[in-house]
Amino acid sequence: MRNTYMPVSHTICYVMTGYYDIVLGLIPVALIGITAALALVGLSLTTAVPIGAFVSMAIIGHAMFVNAPADVPEEPQSTHPPINAD
């Protein structure tokens, strides 16, 4: 008897990174990265941490108030053409 093999189908999953995914990634990067960069340049840690925190806070503020998520209700889409009353 012969072995039968089933072909394996490969699927590609596309990851759609949105604005808020990027914001969530930038918050710790800004806090840790800017703090580390400023500390390496020579600023004291007590000065570098508030500067990094301010940049993280600015990113959060931009996401909340400037580019806020909107709850826009979807209007029902009719597939029928409008009826003329004339």
PDB file of N, CA and C in Angstrom:
ATOM      1  N   MET A   1       0.828  -1.166   0.000  1.00  0.00           N
ATOM      2  CA  MET A   1       0.000   0.000   0.000  1.00  0.00           C
ATOM      3  C   MET A   1       0.885   1.246   0.000  1.00  0.00           C
ATOM      4  N   ARG A   2       0.430   2.203  -0.690  1.00  0.00           N
ATOM      5  CA  ARG A   2       1.205   3.409  -0.876  1.00  0.00           C
ATOM      6  C   ARG A   2       0.792   4.497   0.110  1.00  0.00           C
ATOM      7  N   ASN A   3       1.758   5.326   0.529  1.00  0.00           N
ATOM      8  CA  ASN A   3       1.459   6.455   1.420  1.00  0.00           C
ATOM      9  C   ASN A   3       0.867   7.597   0.606  1.00  0.00           C
ATOM     10  N   THR A   4      -0.159   8.180   1.151  1.00  0.00           N
ATOM     11  CA  THR A   4      -0.729   9.367   0.517  1.00  0.00           C
ATOM     12  C   THR A   4      -0.453  10.566   1.419  1.00  0.00           C
ATOM     13  N   TYR A   5       0.003  11.601   0.801  1.00  0.00           N
ATOM     14  CA  TYR A   5       0.309  12.818   1.531  1.00  0.00           C
ATOM     15  C   TYR A   5      -0.667  13.901   1.097  1.00  0.00           C
ATOM     16  N   MET A   6      -1.111  14.634   2.085  1.00  0.00           N
ATOM     17  CA  MET A   6      -1.999  15.747   1.781  1.00  0.00           C
ATOM     18  C   MET A   6      -1.168  17.021   1.683  1.00  0.00           C
ATOM     19  N   PRO A   7      -1.425  17.818   0.674  1.00  0.00           N
ATOM     20  CA  PRO A   7      -0.656  19.070   0.564  1.00  0.00           C
ATOM     21  C   PRO A   7      -1.022  20.017   1.716  1.00  0.00           C
ATOM     22  N   VAL A   8      -0.013  20.661   2.223  1.00  0.00           N
ATOM     23  CA  VAL A   8      -0.207  21.615   3.312  1.00  0.00           C
ATOM     24  C   VAL A   8      -0.398  22.987   2.680  1.00  0.00           C
ATOM     25  N   SER A   9      -1.497  23.598   3.001  1.00  0.00           N
ATOM     26  CA  SER A   9      -1.731  24.939   2.465  1.00  0.00           C
ATOM     27  C   SER A   9      -1.201  25.964   3.463  1.00  0.00           C
ATOM     28  N   HIS A  10      -0.477  26.895   2.962  1.00  0.00           N
ATOM     29  CA  HIS A  10       0.081  27.962   3.802  1.00  0.00           C
ATOM     30  C   HIS A  10      -0.774  29.208   3.632  1.00  0.00           C
ATOM     31  N   THR A  11      -1.098  29.798   4.744  1.00  0.00           N
ATOM     32  CA  THR A  11      -1.854  31.039   4.689  1.00  0.00           C
ATOM     33  C   THR A  11      -0.978  32.157   5.218  1.00  0.00           C
ATOM     34  N   ILE A  12      -1.113  33.283   4.612  1.00  0.00           N
ATOM     35  CA  ILE A  12      -0.366  34.463   5.038  1.00  0.00           C
ATOM     36  C   ILE A  12      -1.338  35.362   5.775  1.00  0.00           C
ATOM     37  N   CYS A  13      -0.971  35.709   6.962  1.00  0.00           N
ATOM     38  CA  CYS A  13      -1.814  36.583   7.779  1.00  0.00           C
ATOM     39  C   CYS A  13      -1.223  37.979   7.741  1.00  0.00           C
ATOM     40  N   TYR A  14      -2.007  38.930   7.299  1.00  0.00           N
ATOM     41  CA  TYR A  14      -1.560  40.310   7.244  1.00  0.00           C
ATOM     42  C   TYR A  14      -1.907  40.999   8.554  1.00  0.00           C
ATOM     43  N   VAL A  15      -0.925  41.621   9.140  1.00  0.00           N
ATOM     44  CA  VAL A  15      -1.139  42.362  10.375  1.00  0.00           C
ATOM     45  C   VAL A  15      -1.321  43.822  10.000  1.00  0.00           C
ATOM     46  N   MET A  16      -2.462  44.345  10.372  1.00  0.00           N
ATOM     47  CA  MET A  16      -2.745  45.744  10.068  1.00  0.00           C
ATOM     48  C   MET A  16      -2.455  46.572  11.309  1.00  0.00           C
ATOM     49  N   THR A  17      -1.332  47.233  11.302  1.00  0.00           N
ATOM     50  CA  THR A  17      -0.948  48.065  12.429  1.00  0.00           C
ATOM     51  C   THR A  17      -1.587  49.422  12.257  1.00  0.00           C
ATOM     52  N   GLY A  18      -2.372  49.813  13.236  1.00  0.00           N
ATOM     53  CA  GLY A  18      -3.044  51.098  13.180  1.00  0.00           C
ATOM     54  C   GLY A  18      -2.308  52.153  13.981  1.00  0.00           C
ATOM     55  N   TYR A  19      -2.881  53.327  13.981  1.00  0.00           N
ATOM     56  CA  TYR A  19      -2.287  54.471  14.683  1.00  0.00           C
ATOM     57  C   TYR A  19      -2.145  54.191  16.168  1.00  0.00           C
ATOM     58  N   TYR A  20      -3.167  53.618  16.771  1.00  0.00           N
ATOM     59  CA  TYR A  20      -3.135  53.408  18.221  1.00  0.00           C
ATOM     60  C   TYR A  20      -2.209  52.261  18.609  1.00  0.00           C
ATOM     61  N   ASP A  21      -1.957  51.322  17.721  1.00  0.00           N
ATOM     62  CA  ASP A  21      -0.947  50.300  17.977  1.00  0.00           C
ATOM     63  C   ASP A  21       0.442  50.920  18.012  1.00  0.00           C
ATOM     64  N   ILE A  22       0.678  51.832  17.109  1.00  0.00           N
ATOM     65  CA  ILE A  22       1.968  52.516  17.080  1.00  0.00           C
ATOM     66  C   ILE A  22       2.141  53.386  18.311  1.00  0.00           C
ATOM     67  N   VAL A  23       1.073  54.063  18.725  1.00  0.00           N
ATOM     68  CA  VAL A  23       1.142  54.897  19.929  1.00  0.00           C
ATOM     69  C   VAL A  23       1.469  54.047  21.149  1.00  0.00           C
ATOM     70  N   LEU A  24       0.829  52.897  21.273  1.00  0.00           N
ATOM     71  CA  LEU A  24       1.101  52.032  22.416  1.00  0.00           C
ATOM     72  C   LEU A  24       2.542  51.532  22.408  1.00  0.00           C
ATOM     73  N   GLY A  25       3.123  51.375  21.259  1.00  0.00           N
ATOM     74  CA  GLY A  25       4.522  50.976  21.184  1.00  0.00           C
ATOM     75  C   GLY A  25       5.486  52.116  21.453  1.00  0.00           C
ATOM     76  N   LEU A  26       5.087  53.332  21.076  1.00  0.00           N
ATOM     77  CA  LEU A  26       5.972  54.477  21.252  1.00  0.00           C
ATOM     78  C   LEU A  26       6.061  54.969  22.697  1.00  0.00           C
ATOM     79  N   ILE A  27       5.058  54.691  23.497  1.00  0.00           N
ATOM     80  CA  ILE A  27       5.073  55.193  24.874  1.00  0.00           C
ATOM     81  C   ILE A  27       6.273  54.648  25.654  1.00  0.00           C
ATOM     82  N   PRO A  28       6.481  53.323  25.739  1.00  0.00           N
ATOM     83  CA  PRO A  28       7.668  52.872  26.480  1.00  0.00           C
ATOM     84  C   PRO A  28       8.976  53.162  25.749  1.00  0.00           C
ATOM     85  N   VAL A  29       8.936  53.190  24.410  1.00  0.00           N
ATOM     86  CA  VAL A  29      10.150  53.499  23.663  1.00  0.00           C
ATOM     87  C   VAL A  29      10.602  54.922  23.965  1.00  0.00           C
ATOM     88  N   ALA A  30       9.657  55.851  24.006  1.00  0.00           N
ATOM     89  CA  ALA A  30      10.008  57.236  24.310  1.00  0.00           C
ATOM     90  C   ALA A  30      10.484  57.375  25.743  1.00  0.00           C
ATOM     91  N   LEU A  31       9.785  56.748  26.667  1.00  0.00           N
ATOM     92  CA  LEU A  31      10.163  56.882  28.070  1.00  0.00           C
ATOM     93  C   LEU A  31      11.541  56.285  28.333  1.00  0.00           C
ATOM     94  N   ILE A  32      11.753  55.065  27.906  1.00  0.00           N
ATOM     95  CA  ILE A  32      13.026  54.394  28.189  1.00  0.00           C
ATOM     96  C   ILE A  32      14.139  54.890  27.257  1.00  0.00           C
ATOM     97  N   GLY A  33      13.814  55.026  25.982  1.00  0.00           N
ATOM     98  CA  GLY A  33      14.836  55.409  25.006  1.00  0.00           C
ATOM     99  C   GLY A  33      15.363  56.813  25.205  1.00  0.00           C
ATOM    100  N   ILE A  34      14.479  57.762  25.391  1.00  0.00           N
ATOM    101  CA  ILE A  34      14.913  59.146  25.580  1.00  0.00           C
ATOM    102  C   ILE A  34      15.640  59.297  26.908  1.00  0.00           C
ATOM    103  N   THR A  35      15.143  58.617  27.939  1.00  0.00           N
ATOM    104  CA  THR A  35      15.817  58.670  29.235  1.00  0.00           C
ATOM    105  C   THR A  35      17.228  58.098  29.132  1.00  0.00           C
ATOM    106  N   ALA A  36      17.366  56.963  28.462  1.00  0.00           N
ATOM    107  CA  ALA A  36      18.689  56.348  28.310  1.00  0.00           C
ATOM    108  C   ALA A  36      19.611  57.213  27.457  1.00  0.00           C
ATOM    109  N   ALA A  37      19.078  57.778  26.383  1.00  0.00           N
ATOM    110  CA  ALA A  37      19.910  58.614  25.507  1.00  0.00           C
ATOM    111  C   ALA A  37      20.394  59.861  26.240  1.00  0.00           C
ATOM    112  N   LEU A  38      19.512  60.482  26.986  1.00  0.00           N
ATOM    113  CA  LEU A  38      19.922  61.681  27.719  1.00  0.00           C
ATOM    114  C   LEU A  38      20.883  61.350  28.852  1.00  0.00           C
ATOM    115  N   ALA A  39      20.694  60.196  29.466  1.00  0.00           N
ATOM    116  CA  ALA A  39      21.624  59.786  30.526  1.00  0.00           C
ATOM    117  C   ALA A  39      23.000  59.476  29.942  1.00  0.00           C
ATOM    118  N   LEU A  40      23.037  58.894  28.741  1.00  0.00           N
ATOM    119  CA  LEU A  40      24.324  58.611  28.105  1.00  0.00           C
ATOM    120  C   LEU A  40      25.041  59.878  27.647  1.00  0.00           C
ATOM    121  N   VAL A  41      24.264  60.891  27.293  1.00  0.00           N
ATOM    122  CA  VAL A  41      24.862  62.149  26.861  1.00  0.00           C
ATOM    123  C   VAL A  41      25.510  62.872  28.038  1.00  0.00           C
ATOM    124  N   GLY A  42      24.979  62.641  29.226  1.00  0.00           N
ATOM    125  CA  GLY A  42      25.607  63.267  30.385  1.00  0.00           C
ATOM    126  C   GLY A  42      24.634  63.932  31.338  1.00  0.00           C
ATOM    127  N   LEU A  43      23.352  63.956  31.000  1.00  0.00           N
ATOM    128  CA  LEU A  43      22.385  64.528  31.927  1.00  0.00           C
ATOM    129  C   LEU A  43      22.194  63.582  33.106  1.00  0.00           C
ATOM    130  N   SER A  44      21.882  64.149  34.235  1.00  0.00           N
ATOM    131  CA  SER A  44      21.638  63.293  35.389  1.00  0.00           C
ATOM    132  C   SER A  44      20.324  62.538  35.190  1.00  0.00           C
ATOM    133  N   LEU A  45      20.201  61.426  35.877  1.00  0.00           N
ATOM    134  CA  LEU A  45      19.008  60.590  35.736  1.00  0.00           C
ATOM    135  C   LEU A  45      17.766  61.314  36.251  1.00  0.00           C
ATOM    136  N   THR A  46      17.947  62.159  37.251  1.00  0.00           N
ATOM    137  CA  THR A  46      16.793  62.899  37.786  1.00  0.00           C
ATOM    138  C   THR A  46      16.310  63.972  36.814  1.00  0.00           C
ATOM    139  N   THR A  47      17.106  64.332  35.838  1.00  0.00           N
ATOM    140  CA  THR A  47      16.675  65.259  34.795  1.00  0.00           C
ATOM    141  C   THR A  47      16.178  64.512  33.566  1.00  0.00           C
ATOM    142  N   ALA A  48      16.805  63.385  33.254  1.00  0.00           N
ATOM    143  CA  ALA A  48      16.468  62.641  32.039  1.00  0.00           C
ATOM    144  C   ALA A  48      15.111  61.955  32.146  1.00  0.00           C
ATOM    145  N   VAL A  49      14.763  61.447  33.327  1.00  0.00           N
ATOM    146  CA  VAL A  49      13.483  60.745  33.486  1.00  0.00           C
ATOM    147  C   VAL A  49      12.288  61.676  33.262  1.00  0.00           C
ATOM    148  N   PRO A  50      12.251  62.879  33.853  1.00  0.00           N
ATOM    149  CA  PRO A  50      11.103  63.761  33.565  1.00  0.00           C
ATOM    150  C   PRO A  50      10.997  64.193  32.108  1.00  0.00           C
ATOM    151  N   ILE A  51      12.118  64.340  31.430  1.00  0.00           N
ATOM    152  CA  ILE A  51      12.066  64.714  30.012  1.00  0.00           C
ATOM    153  C   ILE A  51      11.487  63.564  29.191  1.00  0.00           C
ATOM    154  N   GLY A  52      11.931  62.344  29.458  1.00  0.00           N
ATOM    155  CA  GLY A  52      11.369  61.178  28.769  1.00  0.00           C
ATOM    156  C   GLY A  52       9.903  60.987  29.092  1.00  0.00           C
ATOM    157  N   ALA A  53       9.528  61.239  30.347  1.00  0.00           N
ATOM    158  CA  ALA A  53       8.122  61.124  30.744  1.00  0.00           C
ATOM    159  C   ALA A  53       7.273  62.195  30.070  1.00  0.00           C
ATOM    160  N   PHE A  54       7.822  63.387  29.895  1.00  0.00           N
ATOM    161  CA  PHE A  54       7.070  64.452  29.228  1.00  0.00           C
ATOM    162  C   PHE A  54       6.806  64.102  27.768  1.00  0.00           C
ATOM    163  N   VAL A  55       7.793  63.511  27.095  1.00  0.00           N
ATOM    164  CA  VAL A  55       7.597  63.109  25.696  1.00  0.00           C
ATOM    165  C   VAL A  55       6.548  62.005  25.614  1.00  0.00           C
ATOM    166  N   SER A  56       6.598  61.039  26.535  1.00  0.00           N
ATOM    167  CA  SER A  56       5.577  59.981  26.562  1.00  0.00           C
ATOM    168  C   SER A  56       4.199  60.573  26.825  1.00  0.00           C
ATOM    169  N   MET A  57       4.137  61.542  27.728  1.00  0.00           N
ATOM    170  CA  MET A  57       2.871  62.193  28.040  1.00  0.00           C
ATOM    171  C   MET A  57       2.345  62.973  26.829  1.00  0.00           C
ATOM    172  N   ALA A  58       3.246  63.573  26.065  1.00  0.00           N
ATOM    173  CA  ALA A  58       2.834  64.298  24.862  1.00  0.00           C
ATOM    174  C   ALA A  58       2.275  63.337  23.809  1.00  0.00           C
ATOM    175  N   ILE A  59       2.859  62.153  23.691  1.00  0.00           N
ATOM    176  CA  ILE A  59       2.344  61.150  22.750  1.00  0.00           C
ATOM    177  C   ILE A  59       0.955  60.696  23.176  1.00  0.00           C
ATOM    178  N   ILE A  60       0.775  60.464  24.472  1.00  0.00           N
ATOM    179  CA  ILE A  60      -0.542  60.055  24.980  1.00  0.00           C
ATOM    180  C   ILE A  60      -1.564  61.169  24.765  1.00  0.00           C
ATOM    181  N   GLY A  61      -1.173  62.399  25.044  1.00  0.00           N
ATOM    182  CA  GLY A  61      -2.076  63.539  24.842  1.00  0.00           C
ATOM    183  C   GLY A  61      -2.475  63.709  23.389  1.00  0.00           C
ATOM    184  N   HIS A  62      -1.534  63.484  22.490  1.00  0.00           N
ATOM    185  CA  HIS A  62      -1.860  63.589  21.066  1.00  0.00           C
ATOM    186  C   HIS A  62      -2.872  62.519  20.668  1.00  0.00           C
ATOM    187  N   ALA A  63      -2.679  61.309  21.182  1.00  0.00           N
ATOM    188  CA  ALA A  63      -3.592  60.214  20.833  1.00  0.00           C
ATOM    189  C   ALA A  63      -4.974  60.419  21.439  1.00  0.00           C
ATOM    190  N   MET A  64      -5.038  61.082  22.584  1.00  0.00           N
ATOM    191  CA  MET A  64      -6.336  61.253  23.250  1.00  0.00           C
ATOM    192  C   MET A  64      -7.109  62.466  22.757  1.00  0.00           C
ATOM    193  N   PHE A  65      -6.405  63.569  22.502  1.00  0.00           N
ATOM    194  CA  PHE A  65      -7.107  64.813  22.234  1.00  0.00           C
ATOM    195  C   PHE A  65      -6.971  65.325  20.807  1.00  0.00           C
ATOM    196  N   VAL A  66      -5.827  65.158  20.188  1.00  0.00           N
ATOM    197  CA  VAL A  66      -5.649  65.670  18.831  1.00  0.00           C
ATOM    198  C   VAL A  66      -6.198  64.692  17.808  1.00  0.00           C
ATOM    199  N   ASN A  67      -5.835  63.426  17.951  1.00  0.00           N
ATOM    200  CA  ASN A  67      -6.290  62.400  17.018  1.00  0.00           C
ATOM    201  C   ASN A  67      -7.150  61.392  17.781  1.00  0.00           C
ATOM    202  N   ALA A  68      -8.204  61.896  18.368  1.00  0.00           N
ATOM    203  CA  ALA A  68      -9.047  61.080  19.239  1.00  0.00           C
ATOM    204  C   ALA A  68      -9.846  60.059  18.433  1.00  0.00           C
ATOM    205  N   PRO A  69     -10.069  58.887  19.028  1.00  0.00           N
ATOM    206  CA  PRO A  69     -10.935  57.919  18.356  1.00  0.00           C
ATOM    207  C   PRO A  69     -12.359  58.445  18.339  1.00  0.00           C
ATOM    208  N   ALA A  70     -13.025  58.278  17.238  1.00  0.00           N
ATOM    209  CA  ALA A  70     -14.369  58.822  17.091  1.00  0.00           C
ATOM    210  C   ALA A  70     -15.386  57.686  17.065  1.00  0.00           C
ATOM    211  N   ASP A  71     -16.469  57.880  17.778  1.00  0.00           N
ATOM    212  CA  ASP A  71     -17.579  56.937  17.743  1.00  0.00           C
ATOM    213  C   ASP A  71     -18.641  57.483  16.795  1.00  0.00           C
ATOM    214  N   VAL A  72     -18.384  57.337  15.532  1.00  0.00           N
ATOM    215  CA  VAL A  72     -19.311  57.829  14.515  1.00  0.00           C
ATOM    216  C   VAL A  72     -20.275  56.699  14.181  1.00  0.00           C
ATOM    217  N   PRO A  73     -21.560  56.921  14.428  1.00  0.00           N
ATOM    218  CA  PRO A  73     -22.508  55.850  14.090  1.00  0.00           C
ATOM    219  C   PRO A  73     -22.588  55.683  12.577  1.00  0.00           C
ATOM    220  N   GLU A  74     -22.635  54.454  12.186  1.00  0.00           N
ATOM    221  CA  GLU A  74     -22.732  54.169  10.760  1.00  0.00           C
ATOM    222  C   GLU A  74     -24.161  54.379  10.293  1.00  0.00           C
ATOM    223  N   GLU A  75     -24.286  55.071   9.180  1.00  0.00           N
ATOM    224  CA  GLU A  75     -25.611  55.281   8.616  1.00  0.00           C
ATOM    225  C   GLU A  75     -26.001  54.030   7.838  1.00  0.00           C
ATOM    226  N   PRO A  76     -27.250  53.632   7.960  1.00  0.00           N
ATOM    227  CA  PRO A  76     -27.661  52.436   7.215  1.00  0.00           C
ATOM    228  C   PRO A  76     -27.572  52.695   5.714  1.00  0.00           C
ATOM    229  N   GLN A  77     -26.967  51.775   5.027  1.00  0.00           N
ATOM    230  CA  GLN A  77     -26.808  51.900   3.586  1.00  0.00           C
ATOM    231  C   GLN A  77     -27.960  51.171   2.896  1.00  0.00           C
ATOM    232  N   SER A  78     -28.673  51.887   2.079  1.00  0.00           N
ATOM    233  CA  SER A  78     -29.781  51.301   1.342  1.00  0.00           C
ATOM    234  C   SER A  78     -29.290  50.841  -0.024  1.00  0.00           C
ATOM    235  N   THR A  79     -29.708  49.673  -0.416  1.00  0.00           N
ATOM    236  CA  THR A  79     -29.321  49.174  -1.734  1.00  0.00           C
ATOM    237  C   THR A  79     -30.313  49.594  -2.804  1.00  0.00           C
ATOM    238  N   HIS A  80     -31.435  50.165  -2.381  1.00  0.00           N
ATOM    239  CA  HIS A  80     -32.451  50.594  -3.329  1.00  0.00           C
ATOM    240  C   HIS A  80     -32.227  52.065  -3.690  1.00  0.00           C
ATOM    241  N   PRO A  81     -32.513  52.427  -4.955  1.00  0.00           N
ATOM    242  CA  PRO A  81     -32.366  53.841  -5.320  1.00  0.00           C
ATOM    243  C   PRO A  81     -33.457  54.670  -4.629  1.00  0.00           C
ATOM    244  N   PRO A  82     -33.197  55.963  -4.435  1.00  0.00           N
ATOM    245  CA  PRO A  82     -34.211  56.801  -3.787  1.00  0.00           C
ATOM    246  C   PRO A  82     -35.484  56.889  -4.640  1.00  0.00           C
ATOM    247  N   ILE A  83     -36.605  56.961  -3.964  1.00  0.00           N
ATOM    248  CA  ILE A  83     -37.888  57.022  -4.646  1.00  0.00           C
ATOM    249  C   ILE A  83     -38.237  58.485  -4.908  1.00  0.00           C
ATOM    250  N   ASN A  84     -38.587  58.773  -6.146  1.00  0.00           N
ATOM    251  CA  ASN A  84     -38.965  60.127  -6.517  1.00  0.00           C
ATOM    252  C   ASN A  84     -40.460  60.294  -6.247  1.00  0.00           C
ATOM    253  N   ALA A  85     -40.828  61.351  -5.526  1.00  0.00           N
ATOM    254  CA  ALA A  85     -42.222  61.552  -5.145  1.00  0.00           C
ATOM    255  C   ALA A  85     -43.034  62.194  -6.276  1.00  0.00           C
ATOM    256  N   ASP A  86     -42.407  62.628  -7.337  1.00  0.00           N
ATOM    257  CA  ASP A  86     -43.147  63.290  -8.428  1.00  0.00           C
ATOM    258  C   ASP A  86     -43.835  62.299  -9.298  1.00  0.00           C
TER     259      ASP A  86
END
